[in-house]
């Protein structure tokens, strides 16, 4: 249960948990949700796999055409990965979901 009367303490605990992960050599994770031009899903997924940091990329059904799973250590590295994905021919737009650190027990 979150203590809403002290949100700054809760935020500090979350931030500390995140930094603790990084000090231990863990990587952050994100999912890049990609919309492509019609008929370009497979080519975009294959091109995304050639980008350093992209661990998986799948053409999928539904609202998005490709979902890429990426690992990174710093936010600027994620920005670089997203920029490279956005520059792939056939990519129309992206949306990124950064995975949260493990939930803290209070």
Protein backbone atom coordinates (compact mmCIF):
# COMPACT_ATOMS: atom_id res chain seq x y z
CA UNK A 1 0.00 0.00 0.00
CA UNK A 2 1.39 3.40 -0.98
CA UNK A 3 1.58 6.06 1.70
CA UNK A 4 0.22 9.11 -0.13
CA UNK A 5 1.02 11.46 2.76
CA UNK A 6 4.75 11.11 2.02
CA UNK A 7 5.03 10.80 -1.78
CA UNK A 8 8.62 12.10 -1.80
CA UNK A 9 9.74 9.17 0.40
CA UNK A 10 7.98 6.69 -1.89
CA UNK A 11 9.63 8.30 -4.94
CA UNK A 12 13.04 8.18 -3.23
CA UNK A 13 12.61 4.46 -2.50
CA UNK A 14 11.67 3.80 -6.15
CA UNK A 15 14.60 5.86 -7.45
CA UNK A 16 17.03 4.15 -5.06
CA UNK A 17 15.77 0.76 -6.21
CA UNK A 18 16.37 1.73 -9.83
CA UNK A 19 19.89 3.05 -9.17
CA UNK A 20 20.68 -0.01 -7.07
CA UNK A 21 19.77 -2.20 -10.05
CA UNK A 22 22.14 -0.26 -12.29
CA UNK A 23 25.03 -0.44 -9.83
CA UNK A 24 24.68 -4.21 -9.85
CA UNK A 25 25.12 -4.33 -13.62
CA UNK A 26 21.48 -4.93 -14.48
CA UNK A 27 20.05 -3.30 -17.56
CA UNK A 28 16.84 -1.37 -17.91
CA UNK A 29 14.23 -2.72 -20.30
CA UNK A 30 11.71 -1.15 -22.66
CA UNK A 31 9.27 -2.13 -25.35
CA UNK A 32 9.13 -0.01 -28.48
CA UNK A 33 5.71 -0.26 -30.13
CA UNK A 34 6.00 0.48 -33.84
CA UNK A 35 3.49 1.39 -36.54
CA UNK A 36 4.74 0.78 -40.07
CA UNK A 37 3.65 1.51 -43.59
CA UNK A 38 1.41 -1.25 -44.96
CA UNK A 39 3.36 -4.38 -45.86
CA UNK A 40 6.58 -3.28 -44.09
CA UNK A 41 6.24 -5.10 -40.75
CA UNK A 42 8.66 -7.93 -41.48
CA UNK A 43 11.33 -5.67 -42.99
CA UNK A 44 11.10 -3.24 -40.06
CA UNK A 45 11.37 -6.09 -37.51
CA UNK A 46 14.43 -7.51 -39.30
CA UNK A 47 16.09 -4.08 -39.53
CA UNK A 48 15.39 -3.37 -35.85
CA UNK A 49 17.22 -6.55 -34.86
CA UNK A 50 20.42 -5.12 -36.36
CA UNK A 51 20.38 -2.19 -33.91
CA UNK A 52 22.62 -2.54 -30.85
CA UNK A 53 20.41 -2.89 -27.77
CA UNK A 54 17.44 -4.44 -29.59
CA UNK A 55 17.21 -7.98 -28.25
CA UNK A 56 13.94 -9.08 -29.91
CA UNK A 57 11.66 -7.65 -32.57
CA UNK A 58 8.45 -9.29 -33.74
CA UNK A 59 5.87 -8.45 -36.37
CA UNK A 60 2.58 -8.69 -34.47
CA UNK A 61 -1.17 -8.39 -34.96
CA UNK A 62 -3.25 -5.67 -33.35
CA UNK A 63 -2.81 -1.94 -32.88
CA UNK A 64 0.95 -2.04 -33.55
CA UNK A 65 2.78 -3.74 -36.40
CA UNK A 66 6.09 -4.49 -34.66
CA UNK A 67 7.11 -4.72 -31.01
CA UNK A 68 10.81 -4.48 -30.17
CA UNK A 69 12.28 -5.41 -26.79
CA UNK A 70 15.35 -3.36 -25.89
CA UNK A 71 17.89 -3.33 -23.06
CA UNK A 72 19.92 -0.29 -22.05
CA UNK A 73 21.84 1.19 -19.13
CA UNK A 74 21.26 4.95 -19.55
CA UNK A 75 18.30 6.93 -20.82
CA UNK A 76 20.40 8.56 -23.55
CA UNK A 77 21.16 5.07 -24.85
CA UNK A 78 17.42 4.41 -25.09
CA UNK A 79 17.06 7.66 -27.00
CA UNK A 80 19.72 6.51 -29.47
CA UNK A 81 17.97 3.17 -29.97
CA UNK A 82 14.59 4.84 -30.53
CA UNK A 83 16.13 7.29 -33.00
CA UNK A 84 17.62 4.45 -35.01
CA UNK A 85 14.31 2.57 -35.01
CA UNK A 86 12.50 5.70 -36.18
CA UNK A 87 14.96 6.09 -39.04
CA UNK A 88 14.18 2.63 -40.47
CA UNK A 89 12.44 2.92 -43.81
CA UNK A 90 8.76 2.10 -43.35
CA UNK A 91 8.44 3.23 -39.72
CA UNK A 92 5.59 5.71 -39.34
CA UNK A 93 5.58 6.26 -35.55
CA UNK A 94 6.73 4.69 -32.31
CA UNK A 95 5.60 4.61 -28.71
CA UNK A 96 7.88 3.44 -25.92
CA UNK A 97 6.99 1.69 -22.66
CA UNK A 98 9.83 1.51 -20.13
CA UNK A 99 9.58 -1.47 -17.78
CA UNK A 100 9.34 -0.47 -14.12
CA UNK A 101 11.73 -1.72 -11.44
CA UNK A 102 10.42 -4.50 -9.25
CA UNK A 103 7.66 -3.41 -6.91
CA UNK A 104 8.91 -2.45 -3.46
CA UNK A 105 7.45 -4.14 -0.40
CA UNK A 106 6.62 -1.65 2.31
